[in-house]
Each structure stands twice: as structure tokens, then as C-alpha cells.
N, C-alpha and C. Protein backbone atom coordinates (compact mmCIF):
# COMPACT_ATOMS: atom_id res chain seq x y z
N UNK A 1 -0.27 -49.14 -222.77
CA UNK A 1 0.17 -49.82 -221.65
C UNK A 1 0.00 -51.30 -221.65
N UNK A 2 1.02 -51.96 -221.39
CA UNK A 2 0.98 -53.53 -221.41
C UNK A 2 0.39 -53.90 -220.07
N UNK A 3 -0.90 -54.37 -219.91
CA UNK A 3 -1.32 -54.68 -218.63
C UNK A 3 -0.77 -55.90 -218.07
N UNK A 4 -0.10 -56.84 -218.70
CA UNK A 4 0.57 -57.90 -218.14
C UNK A 4 1.89 -57.27 -217.21
N UNK A 5 2.61 -56.55 -217.88
CA UNK A 5 3.73 -55.90 -217.43
C UNK A 5 3.24 -55.23 -216.18
N UNK A 6 2.29 -54.41 -216.16
CA UNK A 6 1.64 -53.58 -215.24
C UNK A 6 1.44 -54.63 -213.88
N UNK A 7 0.82 -55.48 -214.24
CA UNK A 7 0.31 -56.60 -213.18
C UNK A 7 1.68 -57.13 -212.62
N UNK A 8 2.78 -57.36 -213.40
CA UNK A 8 4.01 -57.81 -212.80
C UNK A 8 4.64 -56.77 -211.95
N UNK A 9 4.41 -55.59 -212.28
CA UNK A 9 5.28 -54.68 -211.47
C UNK A 9 4.44 -54.59 -210.13
N UNK A 10 3.24 -54.71 -210.10
CA UNK A 10 2.27 -54.67 -209.22
C UNK A 10 2.67 -55.77 -208.03
N UNK A 11 2.80 -56.89 -208.50
CA UNK A 11 3.05 -58.22 -207.77
C UNK A 11 4.75 -58.02 -207.28
N UNK A 12 5.58 -57.51 -208.06
CA UNK A 12 6.82 -57.19 -207.60
C UNK A 12 6.83 -56.45 -206.28
N UNK A 13 5.92 -55.29 -206.38
CA UNK A 13 6.03 -54.39 -205.39
C UNK A 13 5.10 -54.74 -204.07
N UNK A 14 4.08 -55.52 -204.35
CA UNK A 14 3.16 -55.73 -203.19
C UNK A 14 2.99 -57.40 -202.92
N UNK A 15 3.61 -58.27 -203.75
CA UNK A 15 3.51 -59.41 -203.56
C UNK A 15 2.21 -60.15 -204.16
N UNK A 16 2.15 -61.50 -204.49
CA UNK A 16 1.09 -62.01 -204.84
C UNK A 16 0.16 -62.26 -203.94
N UNK A 17 -1.07 -62.85 -204.06
CA UNK A 17 -2.16 -63.06 -203.26
C UNK A 17 -3.60 -62.78 -203.77
N UNK A 18 -4.12 -61.85 -202.96
CA UNK A 18 -5.50 -61.50 -203.30
C UNK A 18 -5.54 -61.03 -204.51
N UNK A 19 -6.63 -61.16 -205.12
CA UNK A 19 -6.94 -60.39 -206.50
C UNK A 19 -7.01 -58.74 -206.45
N UNK A 20 -6.33 -58.41 -207.64
CA UNK A 20 -6.17 -56.68 -207.79
C UNK A 20 -7.19 -56.45 -209.12
N UNK A 21 -7.54 -55.32 -208.95
CA UNK A 21 -8.44 -54.77 -209.92
C UNK A 21 -7.69 -53.68 -210.83
N UNK A 22 -8.29 -53.63 -212.09
CA UNK A 22 -7.53 -52.59 -213.01
C UNK A 22 -8.38 -51.65 -213.31
N UNK A 23 -8.09 -50.23 -213.37
CA UNK A 23 -8.80 -49.27 -213.63
C UNK A 23 -8.00 -48.25 -214.58
N UNK A 24 -8.72 -47.37 -215.38
CA UNK A 24 -8.12 -46.45 -216.45
C UNK A 24 -8.84 -45.27 -216.40
N UNK A 25 -8.38 -44.10 -216.51
CA UNK A 25 -9.17 -42.82 -216.55
C UNK A 25 -8.43 -42.01 -217.76
N UNK A 26 -9.36 -41.54 -218.75
CA UNK A 26 -8.78 -40.98 -219.86
C UNK A 26 -8.51 -39.45 -219.32
N UNK A 27 -7.41 -38.98 -219.99
CA UNK A 27 -7.00 -37.61 -219.83
C UNK A 27 -7.96 -36.60 -220.57
N UNK A 28 -8.44 -35.70 -220.18
CA UNK A 28 -9.28 -34.69 -220.70
C UNK A 28 -8.35 -33.34 -221.22
N UNK A 29 -8.74 -32.64 -222.00
CA UNK A 29 -8.11 -31.28 -222.28
C UNK A 29 -8.90 -30.43 -223.09
N UNK A 30 -8.73 -29.23 -223.16
CA UNK A 30 -9.36 -28.22 -223.78
C UNK A 30 -8.43 -27.41 -224.92
N UNK A 31 -9.04 -27.78 -226.13
CA UNK A 31 -8.28 -27.23 -227.21
C UNK A 31 -8.29 -25.75 -227.18
N UNK A 32 -9.23 -25.29 -226.82
CA UNK A 32 -9.14 -23.67 -226.74
C UNK A 32 -10.08 -23.22 -225.48
N UNK A 33 -9.73 -22.12 -224.86
CA UNK A 33 -10.38 -21.67 -223.82
C UNK A 33 -10.00 -22.23 -222.62
N UNK A 34 -8.95 -22.65 -222.33
CA UNK A 34 -8.49 -23.06 -221.13
C UNK A 34 -8.92 -22.25 -219.71
N UNK A 35 -9.49 -22.80 -218.84
CA UNK A 35 -9.93 -21.95 -217.66
C UNK A 35 -10.82 -20.88 -217.78
N UNK A 36 -11.71 -20.98 -219.19
CA UNK A 36 -12.79 -19.99 -219.46
C UNK A 36 -14.11 -20.68 -219.16
N UNK A 37 -14.31 -22.13 -219.26
CA UNK A 37 -15.59 -22.73 -219.20
C UNK A 37 -16.32 -22.27 -217.99
N UNK A 38 -15.79 -22.23 -216.85
CA UNK A 38 -16.45 -21.78 -215.48
C UNK A 38 -16.57 -20.33 -215.60
N UNK A 39 -16.03 -19.58 -216.43
CA UNK A 39 -16.25 -18.18 -216.53
C UNK A 39 -17.21 -17.62 -217.56
N UNK A 40 -17.68 -18.74 -218.13
CA UNK A 40 -18.85 -18.36 -219.35
C UNK A 40 -18.06 -18.45 -220.69
N UNK A 41 -16.82 -18.75 -220.75
CA UNK A 41 -16.19 -18.60 -222.18
C UNK A 41 -16.37 -19.94 -222.97
N UNK A 42 -16.12 -19.84 -224.15
CA UNK A 42 -16.11 -21.05 -225.03
C UNK A 42 -15.00 -21.94 -224.89
N UNK A 43 -15.18 -23.11 -224.94
CA UNK A 43 -14.26 -24.23 -224.80
C UNK A 43 -14.56 -25.36 -225.74
N UNK A 44 -13.49 -26.10 -226.14
CA UNK A 44 -13.73 -27.33 -226.96
C UNK A 44 -12.89 -28.40 -226.13
N UNK A 45 -13.74 -29.09 -225.09
CA UNK A 45 -13.20 -30.19 -224.39
C UNK A 45 -13.07 -31.40 -225.04
N UNK A 46 -12.14 -32.21 -224.75
CA UNK A 46 -11.91 -33.54 -225.75
C UNK A 46 -11.32 -34.64 -224.79
N UNK A 47 -11.53 -35.76 -224.94
CA UNK A 47 -10.73 -36.91 -224.25
C UNK A 47 -9.43 -37.28 -225.12
N UNK A 48 -8.41 -37.41 -224.49
CA UNK A 48 -7.21 -37.81 -225.10
C UNK A 48 -6.80 -39.15 -224.93
N UNK A 49 -5.98 -39.70 -225.64
CA UNK A 49 -5.55 -41.28 -225.46
C UNK A 49 -4.52 -41.36 -224.32
N UNK A 50 -4.43 -40.40 -223.60
CA UNK A 50 -3.39 -40.52 -222.51
C UNK A 50 -4.24 -40.56 -221.19
N UNK A 51 -3.67 -40.99 -220.06
CA UNK A 51 -4.42 -41.16 -218.94
C UNK A 51 -3.66 -41.76 -217.76
N UNK A 52 -4.38 -42.10 -216.85
CA UNK A 52 -3.84 -42.66 -215.51
C UNK A 52 -4.34 -44.31 -215.46
N UNK A 53 -3.43 -45.13 -215.20
CA UNK A 53 -3.82 -46.61 -214.98
C UNK A 53 -3.68 -46.69 -213.55
N UNK A 54 -4.44 -47.66 -212.99
CA UNK A 54 -4.49 -47.97 -211.56
C UNK A 54 -4.81 -49.51 -211.33
N UNK A 55 -3.74 -50.27 -210.64
CA UNK A 55 -3.98 -51.45 -210.18
C UNK A 55 -4.22 -51.50 -208.64
N UNK A 56 -5.33 -52.01 -208.02
CA UNK A 56 -5.51 -51.83 -206.78
C UNK A 56 -5.92 -53.03 -206.17
N UNK A 57 -5.78 -53.22 -204.67
CA UNK A 57 -6.43 -54.39 -204.06
C UNK A 57 -6.55 -53.78 -202.74
N UNK A 58 -7.58 -54.69 -202.07
CA UNK A 58 -8.04 -54.44 -200.76
C UNK A 58 -7.09 -55.08 -199.77
N UNK A 59 -6.68 -54.55 -198.51
CA UNK A 59 -5.98 -55.09 -197.57
C UNK A 59 -6.79 -55.13 -196.15
N UNK A 60 -6.43 -56.22 -195.44
CA UNK A 60 -7.20 -56.13 -194.13
C UNK A 60 -6.54 -54.88 -193.24
N UNK A 61 -7.36 -54.09 -192.39
CA UNK A 61 -6.73 -53.31 -191.73
C UNK A 61 -6.95 -51.73 -192.30
N UNK A 62 -5.96 -50.79 -191.92
CA UNK A 62 -6.34 -49.66 -192.28
C UNK A 62 -4.93 -49.05 -193.18
N UNK A 63 -4.13 -49.78 -193.57
CA UNK A 63 -2.73 -49.13 -194.33
C UNK A 63 -3.30 -48.88 -195.59
N UNK A 64 -2.70 -47.83 -196.18
CA UNK A 64 -2.79 -47.34 -197.54
C UNK A 64 -1.47 -47.31 -198.03
N UNK A 65 -1.08 -48.07 -199.03
CA UNK A 65 0.14 -48.13 -199.68
C UNK A 65 0.08 -47.45 -201.16
N UNK A 66 0.97 -46.53 -201.46
CA UNK A 66 0.70 -45.82 -202.63
C UNK A 66 2.03 -46.01 -203.44
N UNK A 67 1.90 -46.20 -204.67
CA UNK A 67 3.22 -46.27 -205.45
C UNK A 67 2.83 -45.95 -206.92
N UNK A 68 3.91 -45.63 -207.63
CA UNK A 68 3.68 -45.04 -209.21
C UNK A 68 4.92 -45.60 -209.92
N UNK A 69 4.69 -45.97 -211.13
CA UNK A 69 5.79 -46.38 -212.00
C UNK A 69 6.37 -45.12 -212.65
N UNK A 70 5.95 -43.91 -212.43
CA UNK A 70 6.29 -42.71 -213.15
C UNK A 70 7.68 -42.06 -212.46
N UNK A 71 7.83 -42.32 -211.17
CA UNK A 71 9.14 -42.02 -210.68
C UNK A 71 9.24 -42.82 -209.15
N UNK A 72 10.35 -42.85 -208.58
CA UNK A 72 10.59 -43.64 -207.48
C UNK A 72 10.12 -42.91 -206.10
N UNK A 73 8.83 -43.23 -205.69
CA UNK A 73 8.34 -42.55 -204.57
C UNK A 73 7.36 -43.31 -203.92
N UNK A 74 7.61 -44.26 -203.13
CA UNK A 74 6.46 -45.05 -202.53
C UNK A 74 6.11 -44.37 -201.13
N UNK A 75 4.79 -44.51 -200.84
CA UNK A 75 4.23 -43.91 -199.59
C UNK A 75 3.34 -44.80 -199.03
N UNK A 76 3.26 -44.59 -197.73
CA UNK A 76 2.23 -45.34 -196.79
C UNK A 76 1.80 -44.55 -196.00
N UNK A 77 0.57 -44.82 -195.43
CA UNK A 77 -0.10 -43.78 -194.46
C UNK A 77 -1.03 -44.88 -193.93
N UNK A 78 -1.88 -44.51 -192.77
CA UNK A 78 -2.97 -45.16 -192.25
C UNK A 78 -4.22 -44.26 -192.39
N UNK A 79 -5.47 -44.91 -192.30
CA UNK A 79 -6.44 -44.22 -192.32
C UNK A 79 -6.90 -44.11 -190.78
N UNK A 80 -6.83 -43.03 -190.29
CA UNK A 80 -7.26 -42.72 -188.91
C UNK A 80 -8.19 -41.37 -188.78
N UNK A 81 -8.77 -41.23 -189.88
CA UNK A 81 -9.69 -39.98 -190.01
C UNK A 81 -9.36 -39.25 -191.19
N UNK A 82 -9.59 -37.86 -191.30
CA UNK A 82 -9.38 -37.29 -192.45
C UNK A 82 -7.88 -36.97 -192.54
N UNK A 83 -7.41 -36.74 -193.87
CA UNK A 83 -5.93 -36.57 -194.15
C UNK A 83 -5.62 -35.15 -193.96
N UNK A 84 -4.53 -34.76 -193.78
CA UNK A 84 -4.01 -33.51 -193.93
C UNK A 84 -3.12 -33.42 -195.20
N UNK A 85 -3.05 -32.32 -195.76
CA UNK A 85 -1.91 -32.08 -196.82
C UNK A 85 -0.56 -32.68 -196.43
N UNK A 86 0.01 -33.44 -197.40
CA UNK A 86 1.39 -34.18 -197.30
C UNK A 86 2.33 -33.32 -197.78
N UNK A 87 2.13 -32.12 -197.99
CA UNK A 87 3.27 -31.17 -198.42
C UNK A 87 3.11 -31.25 -200.00
N UNK A 88 4.38 -31.09 -200.91
CA UNK A 88 4.28 -31.21 -202.29
C UNK A 88 4.48 -32.69 -202.69
N UNK A 89 3.35 -33.42 -202.58
CA UNK A 89 3.59 -34.87 -202.75
C UNK A 89 2.32 -35.58 -203.42
N UNK A 90 2.51 -36.23 -204.60
CA UNK A 90 1.45 -36.57 -205.39
C UNK A 90 0.43 -37.19 -204.79
N UNK A 91 0.71 -38.06 -203.67
CA UNK A 91 -0.43 -38.72 -202.96
C UNK A 91 -1.50 -37.94 -202.32
N UNK A 92 -1.36 -36.41 -202.44
CA UNK A 92 -2.41 -35.74 -202.04
C UNK A 92 -3.74 -35.96 -202.85
N UNK A 93 -3.39 -36.13 -204.19
CA UNK A 93 -4.57 -36.18 -205.16
C UNK A 93 -5.47 -37.49 -204.68
N UNK A 94 -4.84 -38.75 -204.63
CA UNK A 94 -5.83 -39.72 -204.36
C UNK A 94 -6.11 -39.57 -202.70
N UNK A 95 -5.41 -39.00 -201.78
CA UNK A 95 -5.78 -38.79 -200.56
C UNK A 95 -6.90 -37.83 -200.29
N UNK A 96 -7.13 -36.77 -201.23
CA UNK A 96 -8.24 -35.76 -201.33
C UNK A 96 -9.43 -36.78 -201.66
N UNK A 97 -9.39 -37.56 -202.58
CA UNK A 97 -10.47 -38.24 -203.12
C UNK A 97 -10.96 -39.01 -201.89
N UNK A 98 -10.22 -39.83 -201.31
CA UNK A 98 -10.56 -40.80 -200.15
C UNK A 98 -11.16 -39.94 -198.98
N UNK A 99 -10.62 -38.70 -198.80
CA UNK A 99 -11.20 -37.95 -197.89
C UNK A 99 -12.63 -37.49 -198.21
N UNK A 100 -13.05 -37.25 -199.46
CA UNK A 100 -14.35 -36.99 -199.94
C UNK A 100 -15.21 -38.22 -199.63
N UNK A 101 -14.80 -39.40 -199.90
CA UNK A 101 -15.60 -40.72 -199.57
C UNK A 101 -15.79 -40.82 -198.07
N UNK A 102 -14.73 -40.65 -197.36
CA UNK A 102 -14.75 -40.79 -195.93
C UNK A 102 -15.81 -39.65 -195.26
N UNK A 103 -15.79 -38.37 -195.71
CA UNK A 103 -16.56 -37.30 -195.55
C UNK A 103 -18.14 -37.85 -195.72
N UNK A 104 -18.29 -38.54 -196.69
CA UNK A 104 -19.79 -38.94 -197.08
C UNK A 104 -20.15 -40.14 -196.51
N UNK A 105 -19.31 -40.75 -195.47
CA UNK A 105 -19.76 -41.89 -194.91
C UNK A 105 -19.48 -43.32 -195.40
N UNK A 106 -18.56 -43.27 -196.44
CA UNK A 106 -18.10 -44.56 -196.92
C UNK A 106 -16.99 -44.94 -196.08
N UNK A 107 -17.11 -46.28 -195.71
CA UNK A 107 -16.08 -46.82 -194.88
C UNK A 107 -14.90 -47.40 -195.72
N UNK A 108 -13.72 -46.79 -195.79
CA UNK A 108 -12.64 -47.12 -196.72
C UNK A 108 -11.59 -48.09 -195.87
N UNK A 109 -11.22 -49.24 -196.40
CA UNK A 109 -10.18 -50.18 -195.57
C UNK A 109 -9.09 -49.83 -196.12
N UNK A 110 -7.92 -50.65 -195.83
CA UNK A 110 -6.48 -50.75 -196.36
C UNK A 110 -6.59 -51.06 -197.95
N UNK A 111 -5.66 -50.23 -198.47
CA UNK A 111 -5.43 -50.68 -200.11
C UNK A 111 -4.03 -50.59 -200.40
N UNK A 112 -3.80 -51.27 -201.53
CA UNK A 112 -2.40 -51.29 -202.14
C UNK A 112 -2.71 -50.62 -203.44
N UNK A 113 -2.16 -49.58 -203.97
CA UNK A 113 -2.36 -48.82 -205.16
C UNK A 113 -1.24 -48.62 -205.76
N UNK A 114 -1.11 -48.93 -207.27
CA UNK A 114 -0.03 -48.61 -208.18
C UNK A 114 -0.58 -47.87 -209.41
N UNK A 115 -0.07 -46.68 -209.52
CA UNK A 115 -0.47 -45.90 -210.56
C UNK A 115 0.52 -45.81 -211.59
N UNK A 116 0.00 -45.48 -212.83
CA UNK A 116 1.15 -45.19 -213.89
C UNK A 116 0.25 -44.23 -214.97
N UNK A 117 0.76 -43.11 -215.15
CA UNK A 117 0.28 -42.20 -216.12
C UNK A 117 1.23 -41.93 -217.16
N UNK A 118 0.53 -41.89 -218.50
CA UNK A 118 1.18 -41.74 -219.72
C UNK A 118 0.94 -40.23 -220.21
N UNK A 119 0.45 -39.50 -219.33
CA UNK A 119 0.44 -38.07 -219.85
C UNK A 119 1.75 -37.30 -219.88
N UNK A 120 2.02 -36.76 -221.09
CA UNK A 120 3.38 -36.15 -221.38
C UNK A 120 3.75 -35.04 -220.24
N UNK A 121 4.86 -35.15 -219.79
CA UNK A 121 5.24 -33.96 -218.78
C UNK A 121 5.29 -32.67 -219.53
N UNK A 122 4.96 -31.57 -218.84
CA UNK A 122 4.91 -30.17 -219.30
C UNK A 122 4.33 -30.00 -220.44
N UNK A 123 3.15 -30.78 -220.65
CA UNK A 123 2.19 -30.68 -221.83
C UNK A 123 1.07 -29.70 -221.60
N UNK A 124 0.79 -29.18 -220.41
CA UNK A 124 -0.31 -28.48 -219.92
C UNK A 124 -1.46 -29.10 -219.69
N UNK A 125 -1.35 -30.40 -219.47
CA UNK A 125 -2.48 -31.19 -219.22
C UNK A 125 -2.54 -31.61 -217.74
N UNK A 126 -3.58 -31.67 -217.17
CA UNK A 126 -3.80 -31.99 -215.60
C UNK A 126 -3.91 -33.39 -215.37
N UNK A 127 -2.77 -34.08 -215.19
CA UNK A 127 -2.78 -35.46 -214.83
C UNK A 127 -3.37 -35.72 -213.53
N UNK A 128 -3.23 -34.48 -212.68
CA UNK A 128 -3.84 -34.79 -211.43
C UNK A 128 -5.36 -35.11 -211.33
N UNK A 129 -6.29 -34.59 -212.30
CA UNK A 129 -7.53 -34.74 -212.54
C UNK A 129 -7.80 -36.15 -212.90
N UNK A 130 -6.83 -36.75 -213.69
CA UNK A 130 -6.87 -38.25 -214.04
C UNK A 130 -6.59 -39.19 -212.96
N UNK A 131 -5.63 -38.65 -212.00
CA UNK A 131 -5.47 -39.33 -210.96
C UNK A 131 -6.56 -39.59 -209.95
N UNK A 132 -7.16 -38.34 -209.65
CA UNK A 132 -8.45 -38.20 -208.89
C UNK A 132 -9.59 -39.10 -209.40
N UNK A 133 -9.78 -38.97 -210.63
CA UNK A 133 -11.10 -39.63 -211.32
C UNK A 133 -10.85 -41.27 -211.20
N UNK A 134 -9.63 -41.67 -211.69
CA UNK A 134 -9.43 -42.99 -211.57
C UNK A 134 -9.57 -43.65 -210.14
N UNK A 135 -9.01 -42.79 -209.10
CA UNK A 135 -9.15 -43.42 -207.79
C UNK A 135 -10.58 -43.16 -207.20
N UNK A 136 -11.42 -42.35 -207.73
CA UNK A 136 -12.66 -42.15 -207.35
C UNK A 136 -13.64 -43.41 -207.80
N UNK A 137 -13.22 -43.81 -209.15
CA UNK A 137 -13.98 -44.87 -209.78
C UNK A 137 -13.46 -46.13 -209.26
N UNK A 138 -12.29 -46.32 -208.86
CA UNK A 138 -11.93 -47.52 -207.93
C UNK A 138 -12.50 -47.65 -206.68
N UNK A 139 -12.62 -46.66 -205.87
CA UNK A 139 -13.16 -46.63 -204.42
C UNK A 139 -14.78 -46.66 -204.53
N UNK A 140 -15.28 -46.14 -205.59
CA UNK A 140 -16.86 -46.48 -205.78
C UNK A 140 -17.00 -47.89 -206.00
N UNK A 141 -16.15 -48.59 -206.83
CA UNK A 141 -16.29 -50.13 -207.21
C UNK A 141 -16.00 -50.78 -205.95
N UNK A 142 -14.90 -50.64 -205.42
CA UNK A 142 -14.42 -51.48 -204.38
C UNK A 142 -15.18 -51.55 -203.07
N UNK A 143 -15.77 -50.43 -202.57
CA UNK A 143 -16.27 -50.29 -201.47
C UNK A 143 -17.88 -50.13 -201.75
N UNK A 144 -18.42 -50.26 -202.74
CA UNK A 144 -19.92 -50.26 -203.26
C UNK A 144 -20.41 -49.06 -202.70
N UNK A 145 -19.83 -47.85 -203.04
CA UNK A 145 -20.24 -46.62 -202.64
C UNK A 145 -21.51 -46.12 -203.21
N UNK A 146 -21.75 -46.70 -204.35
CA UNK A 146 -23.04 -46.18 -205.12
C UNK A 146 -22.56 -44.96 -205.88
N UNK A 147 -23.20 -44.87 -207.24
CA UNK A 147 -22.78 -43.67 -208.11
C UNK A 147 -23.09 -42.36 -207.45
N UNK A 148 -23.96 -42.35 -206.51
CA UNK A 148 -23.94 -40.99 -205.86
C UNK A 148 -22.84 -40.33 -205.37
N UNK A 149 -21.82 -41.18 -204.76
CA UNK A 149 -20.71 -40.56 -204.40
C UNK A 149 -19.82 -39.86 -205.45
N UNK A 150 -20.11 -40.20 -206.77
CA UNK A 150 -19.46 -39.74 -207.76
C UNK A 150 -20.00 -38.34 -208.25
N UNK A 151 -21.30 -38.16 -207.88
CA UNK A 151 -21.97 -36.77 -208.34
C UNK A 151 -21.04 -35.62 -208.05
N UNK A 152 -20.17 -35.40 -207.04
CA UNK A 152 -19.47 -34.39 -206.64
C UNK A 152 -18.32 -34.14 -207.55
N UNK A 153 -18.03 -35.13 -208.23
CA UNK A 153 -16.81 -34.92 -209.45
C UNK A 153 -17.42 -34.35 -210.61
N UNK A 154 -18.72 -34.37 -211.08
CA UNK A 154 -19.17 -33.95 -212.16
C UNK A 154 -19.55 -32.30 -212.24
């Protein structure tokens, strides 16, 4: 990923101004034993050189603006409490993470988020987990939530 190009896309979408922060989450996979690890089976988990990139910056207020370079689907919502499922929409993954931070008493403010994933489509890899992880690490950093908020992910 060319981070300069990624930043340019962010500024095209959201404009220049306040500082944005860059995060990346590696994609994990199991070479053998998919879905057997939690059933007591043997697995061989590994990190891959694929993952999810996120550029994010805080906004004043309670607006959340989501965008991805993977397809043309920008979304916007407001923080008014816990979120409900948005149907078959990719923003359910970051919204689920935001819900968990809110449930734990972390005060989340408005954000502009731009995601890009380079996980190959139909490869049997869970890009959703990578989206959730990069979102959790970003929220933890942006809102000084403390690493205790990430324990529920492990």
C-alpha cells in the first residue's frame, strides 16, 4: 500500500485539515484445522502479508463517516447510543467494535474513517476480523481507552 496515495484519497474524500492517523492490521489465517481450534482440534495459525489499512481522524460532534477504497459505498451515521445491525453492510464490523467500546464506558466522538483491505476476495480469509481489529486498535489509541478494552478481542 502506498501510504501517500492512501492519504491523498483520504483528503479527497474528507478534505484537509486536522491530523489523521494511520493504522494497519495483519490478516490471520489457519493453514489447517479451520474452525477446529475452539473445538479442541489442531490448527496452524499464521499472520499473512495481507490486511486492512485505516486512516482516521477525530471530528467534533457525533458523526461517523465510513468509506472504503474497495468499493463505492460511503456511509454516515451518528452516535446516539448503541447501534443496531445495518443489514448486509460492511460497516456493521466497525460499528460492532464501536458498540463494545461504548458498552465499556469509553466516550467515542465523531470520526472520519477510510479503510482499504488487500485481502484477496473469495480466498477463505476473514477480512472482517482484520477490519474489527484495526478499528479496535485505532479507537483504543484515539480515545485513550487503555489496553484493558482490547482484552475482549483476545
